[in-house]
Amino acid sequence: MASEEPIEHSENQFWEDAHKYAFTSGEEQFVSEIAYIMTTLHEEGN
């Protein structure tokens, strides 16, 4: 199952990057809030 490790790492990296984006983005307030909600829900496992 070593072939699944890169996918898992890639997925974890995606969510880490999404968290950073949600906190540092200069996007419209609505987009920033939606990004924050999505990453928080994913972190909580919902």
PDB file of N, CA and C in Angstrom:
ATOM      1  N   MET A   1       0.814  -1.190   0.000  1.00  0.00           N
ATOM      2  CA  MET A   1       0.000   0.000   0.000  1.00  0.00           C
ATOM      3  C   MET A   1       0.861   1.259   0.000  1.00  0.00           C
ATOM      4  N   ALA A   2       2.093   1.120  -0.369  1.00  0.00           N
ATOM      5  CA  ALA A   2       2.977   2.281  -0.426  1.00  0.00           C
ATOM      6  C   ALA A   2       2.515   3.281  -1.472  1.00  0.00           C
ATOM      7  N   SER A   3       1.782   2.809  -2.463  1.00  0.00           N
ATOM      8  CA  SER A   3       1.322   3.718  -3.513  1.00  0.00           C
ATOM      9  C   SER A   3       0.280   4.709  -3.004  1.00  0.00           C
ATOM     10  N   GLU A   4      -0.350   4.431  -1.864  1.00  0.00           N
ATOM     11  CA  GLU A   4      -1.354   5.342  -1.309  1.00  0.00           C
ATOM     12  C   GLU A   4      -0.723   6.484  -0.523  1.00  0.00           C
ATOM     13  N   GLU A   5       0.507   6.323  -0.079  1.00  0.00           N
ATOM     14  CA  GLU A   5       1.157   7.355   0.722  1.00  0.00           C
ATOM     15  C   GLU A   5       1.273   8.693   0.000  1.00  0.00           C
ATOM     16  N   PRO A   6       1.717   8.726  -1.253  1.00  0.00           N
ATOM     17  CA  PRO A   6       1.801  10.033  -1.926  1.00  0.00           C
ATOM     18  C   PRO A   6       0.446  10.723  -2.045  1.00  0.00           C
ATOM     19  N   ILE A   7      -0.612   9.963  -2.270  1.00  0.00           N
ATOM     20  CA  ILE A   7      -1.944  10.557  -2.368  1.00  0.00           C
ATOM     21  C   ILE A   7      -2.341  11.139  -1.015  1.00  0.00           C
ATOM     22  N   GLU A   8      -2.103  10.385   0.054  1.00  0.00           N
ATOM     23  CA  GLU A   8      -2.444  10.870   1.392  1.00  0.00           C
ATOM     24  C   GLU A   8      -1.641  12.120   1.717  1.00  0.00           C
ATOM     25  N   HIS A   9      -0.349  12.098   1.417  1.00  0.00           N
ATOM     26  CA  HIS A   9       0.495  13.269   1.667  1.00  0.00           C
ATOM     27  C   HIS A   9       0.012  14.450   0.846  1.00  0.00           C
ATOM     28  N   SER A  10      -0.317  14.192  -0.399  1.00  0.00           N
ATOM     29  CA  SER A  10      -0.797  15.254  -1.275  1.00  0.00           C
ATOM     30  C   SER A  10      -2.089  15.853  -0.740  1.00  0.00           C
ATOM     31  N   GLU A  11      -2.990  15.016  -0.263  1.00  0.00           N
ATOM     32  CA  GLU A  11      -4.263  15.493   0.282  1.00  0.00           C
ATOM     33  C   GLU A  11      -4.025  16.312   1.546  1.00  0.00           C
ATOM     34  N   ASN A  12      -3.137  15.833   2.416  1.00  0.00           N
ATOM     35  CA  ASN A  12      -2.820  16.585   3.633  1.00  0.00           C
ATOM     36  C   ASN A  12      -2.203  17.928   3.285  1.00  0.00           C
ATOM     37  N   GLN A  13      -1.314  17.939   2.304  1.00  0.00           N
ATOM     38  CA  GLN A  13      -0.689  19.191   1.878  1.00  0.00           C
ATOM     39  C   GLN A  13      -1.737  20.146   1.326  1.00  0.00           C
ATOM     40  N   PHE A  14      -2.703  19.625   0.574  1.00  0.00           N
ATOM     41  CA  PHE A  14      -3.776  20.460   0.038  1.00  0.00           C
ATOM     42  C   PHE A  14      -4.508  21.182   1.164  1.00  0.00           C
ATOM     43  N   TRP A  15      -4.886  20.450   2.214  1.00  0.00           N
ATOM     44  CA  TRP A  15      -5.650  21.065   3.301  1.00  0.00           C
ATOM     45  C   TRP A  15      -4.798  22.024   4.114  1.00  0.00           C
ATOM     46  N   GLU A  16      -3.500  21.726   4.275  1.00  0.00           N
ATOM     47  CA  GLU A  16      -2.612  22.677   4.947  1.00  0.00           C
ATOM     48  C   GLU A  16      -2.535  23.974   4.148  1.00  0.00           C
ATOM     49  N   ASP A  17      -2.388  23.843   2.831  1.00  0.00           N
ATOM     50  CA  ASP A  17      -2.347  25.025   1.965  1.00  0.00           C
ATOM     51  C   ASP A  17      -3.669  25.776   1.995  1.00  0.00           C
ATOM     52  N   ALA A  18      -4.778  25.044   2.040  1.00  0.00           N
ATOM     53  CA  ALA A  18      -6.095  25.680   2.091  1.00  0.00           C
ATOM     54  C   ALA A  18      -6.260  26.480   3.378  1.00  0.00           C
ATOM     55  N   HIS A  19      -5.765  25.930   4.492  1.00  0.00           N
ATOM     56  CA  HIS A  19      -5.822  26.668   5.760  1.00  0.00           C
ATOM     57  C   HIS A  19      -5.030  27.968   5.658  1.00  0.00           C
ATOM     58  N   LYS A  20      -3.814  27.872   5.114  1.00  0.00           N
ATOM     59  CA  LYS A  20      -2.983  29.070   4.964  1.00  0.00           C
ATOM     60  C   LYS A  20      -3.688  30.098   4.093  1.00  0.00           C
ATOM     61  N   TYR A  21      -4.276  29.643   3.008  1.00  0.00           N
ATOM     62  CA  TYR A  21      -4.982  30.547   2.096  1.00  0.00           C
ATOM     63  C   TYR A  21      -6.150  31.229   2.798  1.00  0.00           C
ATOM     64  N   ALA A  22      -6.893  30.465   3.585  1.00  0.00           N
ATOM     65  CA  ALA A  22      -8.063  31.021   4.275  1.00  0.00           C
ATOM     66  C   ALA A  22      -7.666  32.132   5.242  1.00  0.00           C
ATOM     67  N   PHE A  23      -6.482  32.020   5.820  1.00  0.00           N
ATOM     68  CA  PHE A  23      -6.056  33.019   6.797  1.00  0.00           C
ATOM     69  C   PHE A  23      -5.313  34.197   6.173  1.00  0.00           C
ATOM     70  N   THR A  24      -4.710  34.010   4.996  1.00  0.00           N
ATOM     71  CA  THR A  24      -3.851  35.058   4.443  1.00  0.00           C
ATOM     72  C   THR A  24      -4.362  35.650   3.147  1.00  0.00           C
ATOM     73  N   SER A  25      -5.457  35.164   2.656  1.00  0.00           N
ATOM     74  CA  SER A  25      -5.956  35.592   1.355  1.00  0.00           C
ATOM     75  C   SER A  25      -6.439  37.034   1.385  1.00  0.00           C
ATOM     76  N   GLY A  26      -6.213  37.722   0.279  1.00  0.00           N
ATOM     77  CA  GLY A  26      -6.740  39.065   0.119  1.00  0.00           C
ATOM     78  C   GLY A  26      -8.039  39.047  -0.663  1.00  0.00           C
ATOM     79  N   GLU A  27      -8.668  37.871  -0.744  1.00  0.00           N
ATOM     80  CA  GLU A  27      -9.911  37.721  -1.505  1.00  0.00           C
ATOM     81  C   GLU A  27     -11.058  38.463  -0.832  1.00  0.00           C
ATOM     82  N   GLU A  28     -12.164  38.522  -1.544  1.00  0.00           N
ATOM     83  CA  GLU A  28     -13.381  39.094  -0.971  1.00  0.00           C
ATOM     84  C   GLU A  28     -13.683  38.421   0.364  1.00  0.00           C
ATOM     85  N   GLN A  29     -14.266  39.139   1.274  1.00  0.00           N
ATOM     86  CA  GLN A  29     -14.574  38.625   2.612  1.00  0.00           C
ATOM     87  C   GLN A  29     -15.397  37.336   2.546  1.00  0.00           C
ATOM     88  N   PHE A  30     -16.393  37.286   1.671  1.00  0.00           N
ATOM     89  CA  PHE A  30     -17.243  36.103   1.553  1.00  0.00           C
ATOM     90  C   PHE A  30     -16.424  34.874   1.171  1.00  0.00           C
ATOM     91  N   VAL A  31     -15.547  35.021   0.189  1.00  0.00           N
ATOM     92  CA  VAL A  31     -14.724  33.894  -0.264  1.00  0.00           C
ATOM     93  C   VAL A  31     -13.816  33.430   0.861  1.00  0.00           C
ATOM     94  N   SER A  32     -13.237  34.363   1.574  1.00  0.00           N
ATOM     95  CA  SER A  32     -12.370  34.022   2.690  1.00  0.00           C
ATOM     96  C   SER A  32     -13.137  33.264   3.774  1.00  0.00           C
ATOM     97  N   GLU A  33     -14.352  33.702   4.075  1.00  0.00           N
ATOM     98  CA  GLU A  33     -15.161  33.028   5.095  1.00  0.00           C
ATOM     99  C   GLU A  33     -15.555  31.622   4.665  1.00  0.00           C
ATOM    100  N   ILE A  34     -15.921  31.450   3.406  1.00  0.00           N
ATOM    101  CA  ILE A  34     -16.282  30.117   2.899  1.00  0.00           C
ATOM    102  C   ILE A  34     -15.071  29.190   2.957  1.00  0.00           C
ATOM    103  N   ALA A  35     -13.901  29.687   2.564  1.00  0.00           N
ATOM    104  CA  ALA A  35     -12.683  28.877   2.624  1.00  0.00           C
ATOM    105  C   ALA A  35     -12.399  28.451   4.061  1.00  0.00           C
ATOM    106  N   TYR A  36     -12.575  29.364   4.995  1.00  0.00           N
ATOM    107  CA  TYR A  36     -12.350  29.041   6.405  1.00  0.00           C
ATOM    108  C   TYR A  36     -13.329  27.970   6.882  1.00  0.00           C
ATOM    109  N   ILE A  37     -14.594  28.120   6.549  1.00  0.00           N
ATOM    110  CA  ILE A  37     -15.617  27.147   6.954  1.00  0.00           C
ATOM    111  C   ILE A  37     -15.302  25.771   6.378  1.00  0.00           C
ATOM    112  N   MET A  38     -14.959  25.715   5.106  1.00  0.00           N
ATOM    113  CA  MET A  38     -14.680  24.424   4.461  1.00  0.00           C
ATOM    114  C   MET A  38     -13.481  23.737   5.097  1.00  0.00           C
ATOM    115  N   THR A  39     -12.408  24.479   5.347  1.00  0.00           N
ATOM    116  CA  THR A  39     -11.224  23.850   5.922  1.00  0.00           C
ATOM    117  C   THR A  39     -11.465  23.435   7.368  1.00  0.00           C
ATOM    118  N   THR A  40     -12.239  24.211   8.110  1.00  0.00           N
ATOM    119  CA  THR A  40     -12.552  23.855   9.496  1.00  0.00           C
ATOM    120  C   THR A  40     -13.411  22.601   9.553  1.00  0.00           C
ATOM    121  N   LEU A  41     -14.425  22.515   8.697  1.00  0.00           N
ATOM    122  CA  LEU A  41     -15.267  21.317   8.668  1.00  0.00           C
ATOM    123  C   LEU A  41     -14.455  20.087   8.290  1.00  0.00           C
ATOM    124  N   HIS A  42     -13.551  20.226   7.334  1.00  0.00           N
ATOM    125  CA  HIS A  42     -12.729  19.084   6.943  1.00  0.00           C
ATOM    126  C   HIS A  42     -11.851  18.644   8.108  1.00  0.00           C
ATOM    127  N   GLU A  43     -11.274  19.608   8.816  1.00  0.00           N
ATOM    128  CA  GLU A  43     -10.405  19.293   9.945  1.00  0.00           C
ATOM    129  C   GLU A  43     -11.168  18.544  11.030  1.00  0.00           C
ATOM    130  N   GLU A  44     -12.436  18.898  11.227  1.00  0.00           N
ATOM    131  CA  GLU A  44     -13.259  18.249  12.242  1.00  0.00           C
ATOM    132  C   GLU A  44     -13.808  16.907  11.771  1.00  0.00           C
ATOM    133  N   GLY A  45     -13.620  16.584  10.495  1.00  0.00           N
ATOM    134  CA  GLY A  45     -14.063  15.300   9.974  1.00  0.00           C
ATOM    135  C   GLY A  45     -15.503  15.252   9.537  1.00  0.00           C
ATOM    136  N   ASN A  46     -16.127  16.399   9.281  1.00  0.00           N
ATOM    137  CA  ASN A  46     -17.527  16.423   8.844  1.00  0.00           C
ATOM    138  C   ASN A  46     -17.628  16.444   7.346  1.00  0.00           C
TER     139      ASN A  46
END
